[in-house]
Protein backbone atom coordinates (compact mmCIF):
# COMPACT_ATOMS: atom_id res chain seq x y z
CA MET A 1 230.85 180.02 -76.12
CA SER A 2 232.73 177.42 -74.12
CA GLU A 3 235.42 177.24 -76.80
CA GLU A 4 235.89 181.02 -76.67
CA ALA A 5 236.10 180.94 -72.87
CA THR A 6 238.59 178.08 -72.99
CA ALA A 7 240.76 179.92 -75.52
CA TYR A 8 240.61 183.09 -73.40
CA TYR A 9 241.71 181.38 -70.19
CA THR A 10 244.41 179.47 -72.05
CA PHE A 11 245.72 182.78 -73.37
CA ILE A 12 245.72 184.28 -69.86
CA SER A 13 247.64 181.32 -68.42
CA ARG A 14 250.18 181.55 -71.25
CA GLU A 15 250.75 185.27 -70.63
CA ILE A 16 251.16 184.68 -66.88
CA THR A 17 253.78 182.02 -67.53
CA ILE A 18 255.73 184.26 -69.92
CA PHE A 19 255.64 187.54 -68.01
CA PHE A 20 256.19 186.06 -64.56
CA GLY A 21 258.11 182.89 -65.36
CA ILE A 22 260.90 184.48 -67.41
CA PRO A 23 261.86 187.14 -64.79
CA ILE A 24 261.75 184.50 -62.06
CA PHE A 25 264.02 182.24 -64.12
CA ILE A 26 266.59 184.94 -64.93
CA ALA A 27 266.64 186.47 -61.43
CA GLY A 28 266.69 183.04 -59.82
CA LEU A 29 269.58 181.76 -61.90
CA LEU A 30 271.66 184.87 -61.15
CA GLY A 31 270.77 184.72 -57.46
CA ASP A 32 271.74 181.07 -57.15
CA ILE A 33 275.06 181.74 -58.88
CA PHE A 34 275.72 184.59 -56.43
CA ASN A 35 274.88 182.27 -53.53
CA LEU A 36 277.35 179.69 -54.78
CA ILE A 37 280.03 182.37 -55.13
CA VAL A 38 279.57 183.44 -51.49
CA PHE A 39 279.29 179.94 -50.02
CA LEU A 40 282.27 178.55 -51.93
CA SER A 41 284.54 181.58 -51.62
CA LEU A 42 284.45 182.25 -47.88
CA LYS A 43 286.15 179.94 -45.42
CA THR A 44 283.49 180.75 -42.82
CA PHE A 45 280.90 178.96 -44.94
CA ARG A 46 283.12 176.23 -46.38
CA GLU A 47 283.84 174.90 -42.88
CA ASN A 48 280.25 175.11 -41.60
CA ALA A 49 277.86 172.15 -41.88
CA CYS A 50 274.72 174.28 -42.23
CA ALA A 51 276.31 176.32 -45.03
CA PHE A 52 277.35 173.07 -46.71
CA TYR A 53 273.70 171.95 -46.81
CA LEU A 54 272.69 175.35 -48.19
CA THR A 55 275.38 175.07 -50.87
CA VAL A 56 274.09 171.69 -52.05
CA MET A 57 270.54 173.05 -51.90
CA THR A 58 271.55 175.99 -54.10
CA ALA A 59 273.14 173.66 -56.67
CA ALA A 60 269.89 171.65 -56.75
CA ASP A 61 267.94 174.90 -57.17
CA VAL A 62 269.97 175.70 -60.29
CA GLY A 63 269.13 172.28 -61.70
CA GLN A 64 265.45 172.72 -60.93
CA LEU A 65 265.29 176.11 -62.63
CA LEU A 66 267.04 174.78 -65.76
CA THR A 67 265.11 171.52 -66.12
CA GLY A 68 261.84 172.51 -64.48
CA LEU A 69 260.98 176.19 -64.86
CA LEU A 70 262.69 176.71 -68.22
CA SER A 71 260.84 173.81 -69.80
CA ARG A 72 257.59 174.98 -68.15
CA ILE A 73 258.03 178.41 -69.77
CA LEU A 74 258.62 176.79 -73.16
CA ILE A 75 255.65 174.41 -72.76
CA SER A 76 253.01 176.76 -71.33
CA GLY A 77 254.27 180.05 -72.71
CA PHE A 78 255.46 179.20 -76.22
CA ALA A 79 253.86 175.79 -76.92
CA ILE A 80 257.29 174.21 -77.31
CA ASP A 81 256.84 170.87 -75.59
CA TRP A 82 259.76 168.49 -76.01
CA THR A 83 258.16 166.02 -73.59
CA ILE A 84 255.50 165.02 -76.15
CA VAL A 85 257.92 164.57 -79.05
CA SER A 86 260.86 162.97 -77.29
CA PHE A 87 260.53 159.71 -75.40
CA PHE A 88 263.85 160.42 -73.69
CA TYR A 89 263.02 163.96 -72.61
CA CYS A 90 259.65 162.88 -71.23
CA LYS A 91 261.39 160.56 -68.80
CA PHE A 92 264.38 162.87 -68.25
CA ARG A 93 262.30 165.90 -67.16
CA ALA A 94 260.17 163.85 -64.77
CA TYR A 95 263.31 162.30 -63.29
CA CYS A 96 265.06 165.65 -62.86
CA PHE A 97 261.99 167.36 -61.38
CA GLN A 98 261.69 164.91 -58.50
CA PHE A 99 265.46 164.66 -57.97
CA PHE A 100 266.25 168.37 -57.80
CA SER A 101 263.15 169.34 -55.83
CA LEU A 102 263.56 166.59 -53.22
CA THR A 103 267.31 167.20 -52.93
CA SER A 104 266.68 170.91 -52.40
CA PHE A 105 263.99 170.36 -49.77
CA VAL A 106 265.92 167.70 -47.86
CA CYS A 107 269.02 169.91 -47.70
CA MET A 108 266.90 172.81 -46.49
CA SER A 109 265.50 170.54 -43.76
CA LEU A 110 268.97 169.30 -42.81
CA ALA A 111 270.15 172.90 -42.48
CA SER A 112 267.37 173.54 -39.95
CA VAL A 113 268.20 170.37 -38.00
CA ASN A 114 271.89 171.31 -38.05
CA GLN A 115 271.26 174.73 -36.54
CA PHE A 116 269.25 173.10 -33.75
CA LEU A 117 272.23 170.83 -33.06
CA ALA A 118 274.78 173.65 -33.35
CA THR A 119 272.93 175.85 -30.84
CA SER A 120 272.10 173.05 -28.41
CA SER A 121 273.53 173.22 -24.87
CA ASN A 122 274.14 169.46 -25.06
CA LEU A 123 277.76 168.88 -26.07
CA TYR A 124 276.98 165.58 -27.79
CA LEU A 125 274.31 167.21 -29.96
CA GLN A 126 276.72 170.03 -30.75
CA SER A 127 279.30 167.49 -31.90
CA LEU A 128 276.80 166.19 -34.50
CA SER A 129 276.88 169.58 -36.20
CA ASN A 130 280.00 168.70 -38.10
CA ILE A 131 281.09 169.32 -41.68
CA LYS A 132 282.50 165.78 -41.92
CA ILE A 133 279.17 164.26 -40.90
CA ALA A 134 277.34 166.53 -43.34
CA ALA A 135 279.69 165.45 -46.14
CA ARG A 136 278.69 161.83 -45.44
CA ILE A 137 274.94 162.40 -45.08
CA VAL A 138 274.42 164.34 -48.30
CA PRO A 139 275.83 161.71 -50.72
CA ILE A 140 273.65 159.06 -49.05
CA LEU A 141 270.47 161.12 -49.42
CA VAL A 142 271.36 162.19 -52.96
CA SER A 143 271.86 158.51 -53.85
CA ILE A 144 268.44 157.69 -52.39
CA TRP A 145 266.73 160.27 -54.61
CA LEU A 146 268.73 159.13 -57.63
CA ILE A 147 267.51 155.58 -57.08
CA HIS A 148 264.00 156.79 -56.26
CA GLY A 149 263.91 158.53 -59.64
CA ILE A 150 264.22 155.20 -61.46
CA LEU A 151 260.46 154.82 -60.89
CA TYR A 152 259.93 157.87 -63.10
CA LEU A 153 262.15 156.40 -65.80
CA ILE A 154 260.05 153.24 -65.70
CA TYR A 155 256.51 154.63 -65.56
CA TYR A 156 256.65 158.00 -67.33
CA THR A 157 256.11 157.64 -71.05
CA LEU A 158 254.28 159.08 -74.07
CA ILE A 159 250.57 158.25 -73.84
CA PRO A 160 248.14 158.84 -76.78
CA VAL A 161 245.23 161.19 -76.11
CA GLY A 162 242.22 159.37 -77.54
CA ASN A 163 242.25 159.14 -81.34
CA THR A 164 243.65 162.63 -81.85
CA GLY A 165 247.15 161.49 -82.74
CA ILE A 166 248.46 163.71 -79.94
CA PHE A 167 250.60 162.37 -77.13
CA THR A 168 251.06 163.50 -73.56
CA CYS A 169 253.91 162.76 -71.14
CA ALA A 170 252.41 161.10 -68.07
CA SER A 171 252.58 158.09 -65.83
CA SER A 172 251.38 154.85 -67.40
CA ASN A 173 250.60 153.44 -63.97
CA LEU A 174 247.64 154.84 -62.00
CA ILE A 175 249.04 153.77 -58.62
CA PHE A 176 252.36 155.48 -59.29
CA GLU A 177 250.52 158.58 -60.49
CA GLN A 178 248.74 158.76 -57.14
CA TYR A 179 252.04 158.16 -55.34
CA HIS A 180 253.63 161.04 -57.25
CA LEU A 181 250.75 163.35 -56.37
CA TYR A 182 250.20 162.51 -52.71
CA GLY A 183 253.51 160.89 -51.78
CA VAL A 184 256.08 163.04 -53.57
CA THR A 185 254.28 166.35 -54.14
CA VAL A 186 252.20 166.55 -50.96
CA PHE A 187 254.20 164.60 -48.37
CA TYR A 188 257.88 164.73 -49.41
CA GLY A 189 257.62 168.13 -51.08
CA SER A 190 255.34 169.94 -48.64
CA ILE A 191 254.27 168.37 -45.35
CA LEU A 192 257.64 166.84 -44.40
CA PRO A 193 259.97 169.81 -45.13
CA VAL A 194 257.50 172.35 -43.71
CA SER A 195 257.14 170.32 -40.50
CA ILE A 196 260.89 169.73 -40.08
CA ASN A 197 261.81 173.33 -40.84
CA GLY A 198 259.11 174.68 -38.58
CA ILE A 199 259.89 172.46 -35.59
CA PHE A 200 263.69 172.62 -35.70
CA GLY A 201 263.72 176.28 -36.72
CA ILE A 202 261.73 177.19 -33.60
CA LEU A 203 263.95 174.97 -31.45
CA ALA A 204 267.09 176.54 -32.90
CA TYR A 205 265.71 180.03 -32.26
CA HIS A 206 264.93 179.03 -28.67
CA ASN A 207 268.42 177.56 -28.23
CA SER A 208 270.06 180.72 -29.55
CA HIS A 209 268.65 182.66 -26.60
CA GLN A 210 269.87 180.08 -24.09
CA LEU A 211 273.50 179.96 -25.24
CA ASP A 212 276.31 180.90 -22.91
CA ARG A 213 277.79 183.76 -24.93
CA ARG A 214 280.89 183.78 -22.78
CA ALA A 215 281.76 180.26 -23.91
CA MET A 216 281.51 181.06 -27.64
CA SER A 217 283.51 183.32 -29.91
CA PHE A 218 281.89 186.44 -31.31
CA VAL A 219 282.37 185.15 -34.87
CA GLN A 220 280.54 181.89 -34.10
CA LEU A 221 277.69 183.72 -32.38
CA GLU A 222 277.26 186.02 -35.36
CA LEU A 223 277.38 183.10 -37.79
CA ASP A 224 274.74 181.14 -35.84
CA LYS A 225 272.54 184.22 -35.64
CA GLN A 226 272.92 184.78 -39.36
CA LEU A 227 272.13 181.19 -40.32
CA ILE A 228 269.09 181.02 -38.02
CA SER A 229 267.69 184.18 -39.68
CA ILE A 230 268.34 182.71 -43.13
CA ILE A 231 266.67 179.41 -42.28
CA PHE A 232 263.64 181.06 -40.68
CA VAL A 233 262.89 183.34 -43.63
CA GLN A 234 263.43 180.42 -46.01
CA PHE A 235 260.88 178.38 -44.05
CA ILE A 236 258.31 181.19 -44.40
CA CYS A 237 258.98 181.46 -48.14
CA HIS A 238 258.69 177.69 -48.61
CA LEU A 239 255.38 177.65 -46.75
CA ILE A 240 253.91 180.50 -48.81
CA ALA A 241 255.23 179.23 -52.15
CA THR A 242 254.47 175.53 -51.78
CA VAL A 243 251.03 175.25 -50.15
CA PRO A 244 249.08 177.01 -52.98
CA TYR A 245 250.88 174.87 -55.57
CA VAL A 246 250.05 171.65 -53.73
CA VAL A 247 246.38 172.65 -53.34
CA SER A 248 246.01 173.60 -57.01
CA THR A 249 247.75 170.37 -58.09
CA ILE A 250 245.33 168.26 -56.05
CA LEU A 251 242.29 170.20 -57.33
CA SER A 252 243.46 169.84 -60.94
CA ASP A 253 243.37 166.07 -60.51
CA THR A 254 239.69 165.95 -59.48
CA SER A 255 237.12 164.60 -61.94
CA ILE A 256 234.87 167.68 -61.60
CA ILE A 257 237.55 169.92 -63.07
CA LYS A 258 238.84 167.39 -65.60
CA ASN A 259 235.38 166.80 -67.11
CA ASP A 260 234.47 170.48 -67.64
CA PRO A 261 236.60 172.25 -70.29
CA VAL A 262 235.79 175.76 -69.04
CA ILE A 263 236.51 174.97 -65.39
CA ALA A 264 239.66 173.13 -66.46
CA ALA A 265 240.76 176.23 -68.41
CA LYS A 266 240.09 178.45 -65.38
CA MET A 267 242.07 176.02 -63.25
CA GLN A 268 244.87 176.28 -65.78
CA VAL A 269 245.14 180.00 -64.94
CA VAL A 270 245.30 179.20 -61.23
CA THR A 271 247.94 176.56 -61.90
CA ALA A 272 250.02 179.02 -63.93
CA VAL A 273 250.03 181.46 -61.00
CA THR A 274 250.77 178.86 -58.33
CA THR A 275 253.49 177.26 -60.47
CA CYS A 276 255.30 180.58 -60.85
CA VAL A 277 254.98 181.16 -57.11
CA TYR A 278 256.20 177.60 -56.44
CA TYR A 279 259.42 178.20 -58.37
CA LEU A 280 260.22 181.09 -56.04
CA ASN A 281 261.43 178.30 -53.72
CA TYR A 282 264.39 177.91 -56.04
CA ALA A 283 264.71 181.50 -57.26
CA ILE A 284 264.70 183.91 -54.30
CA PRO A 285 266.93 182.44 -51.53
CA PHE A 286 269.77 184.85 -52.42
CA TYR A 287 267.48 187.88 -52.29
CA MET A 288 266.04 186.72 -48.95
CA TYR A 289 269.53 186.30 -47.51
CA ILE A 290 270.46 189.80 -48.68
CA TRP A 291 267.27 191.18 -47.14
CA VAL A 292 267.41 189.59 -43.69
CA SER A 293 271.16 189.51 -43.09
CA GLN A 294 273.36 192.61 -43.15
CA ARG A 295 276.33 190.31 -42.61
CA PHE A 296 275.47 188.35 -45.76
CA ARG A 297 275.28 191.62 -47.72
CA ARG A 298 278.81 192.47 -46.64
CA GLN A 299 280.01 188.95 -47.42
CA PHE A 300 278.49 189.08 -50.90
CA ILE A 301 280.10 192.46 -51.65
CA TYR A 302 283.45 191.17 -50.43
CA ALA A 303 283.29 187.85 -52.29
CA PHE A 304 282.00 189.24 -55.57
CA PHE A 305 283.84 192.55 -55.82
CA GLU A 306 286.95 192.15 -53.69
CA ILE A 307 287.80 188.59 -54.71
CA TYR A 308 286.44 187.93 -58.20
CA ILE A 309 286.22 191.38 -59.77
CA ASN A 310 289.69 192.36 -58.52
CA LYS A 311 291.15 189.06 -59.78
CA TRP A 312 289.55 189.68 -63.16
CA ARG A 313 290.98 193.21 -63.27
CA GLN A 314 294.43 191.91 -62.39
CA ARG A 315 294.29 189.33 -65.17
CA VAL A 316 293.16 191.97 -67.68
CA ALA A 317 296.00 194.24 -66.54
CA VAL A 318 298.54 191.45 -67.03
CA VAL A 319 297.21 190.65 -70.52
CA ASN A 320 297.23 194.33 -71.55
CA GLN A 321 300.62 195.04 -70.04
CA VAL A 322 303.19 196.14 -72.60
CA VAL A 323 306.58 194.62 -72.02
CA PRO A 324 309.26 197.30 -72.71
CA GLU A 325 311.90 196.50 -75.28
CA THR A 326 315.43 195.80 -73.99
């Protein structure tokens, strides 16, 4: 009976991963590409520090979808697990997961801090909201996560499961495994970004109502208003998407669940749901921006259709042009 129940719940978790994971992956990849098009095409965003952080965050989101969600769909949905047959890929996926997720979350947090600085009435704090400063901070933090990932290259390896001849990709060091769970997943990936985004997002919103509108251009006011809306809705999404994943990850590590095959199979269903929801962090920013910001909708239409589509049409016209004989 327990074997039938385990097989049933395993089937359910596989179906959830396939039918929810694949649409999230496709929509997320397209959305992130659209975000990059807007952020990199418009001078308004290219010269803004907050938008610079969001651009780097979006690039990290693409990496996380490709190395994290795609491999999760293959592993859980189609039983294609390269991490248990390739020593290299076992380490590579673990390294990429922590790098892209932490880079994305830290850039999201920096965007919130930047908007607090940009909307502050203190001139010195305003001066810290600077694209040049942002361009120096990001490489430093990216380098920190690159170096931090070396721990995953060291400790993640193929570990035999009993005498079954089957291997699993996991940490060979119990202390590092606990650090990954509570340090990286819970603290760096949840508590820290949620706290920073919540605190500085509220402060930025408060500052935006205290600004002297006469001393600022209309364009700057609209941009600040737009970015504050974007950051706030992203904070809400991160909170909703991350907390269930963190809770299910912690519960899955408890001995009660590990030692009971049926409960473990049920927990696998919960994990499949929360994992799909978790990857919304990296998949839906574009759609949130479109939803909350009318200005962003206009910017996307302009960047995508007026700039790129028209350029493509012009190139096609030039290629198809028939040169008259002389």
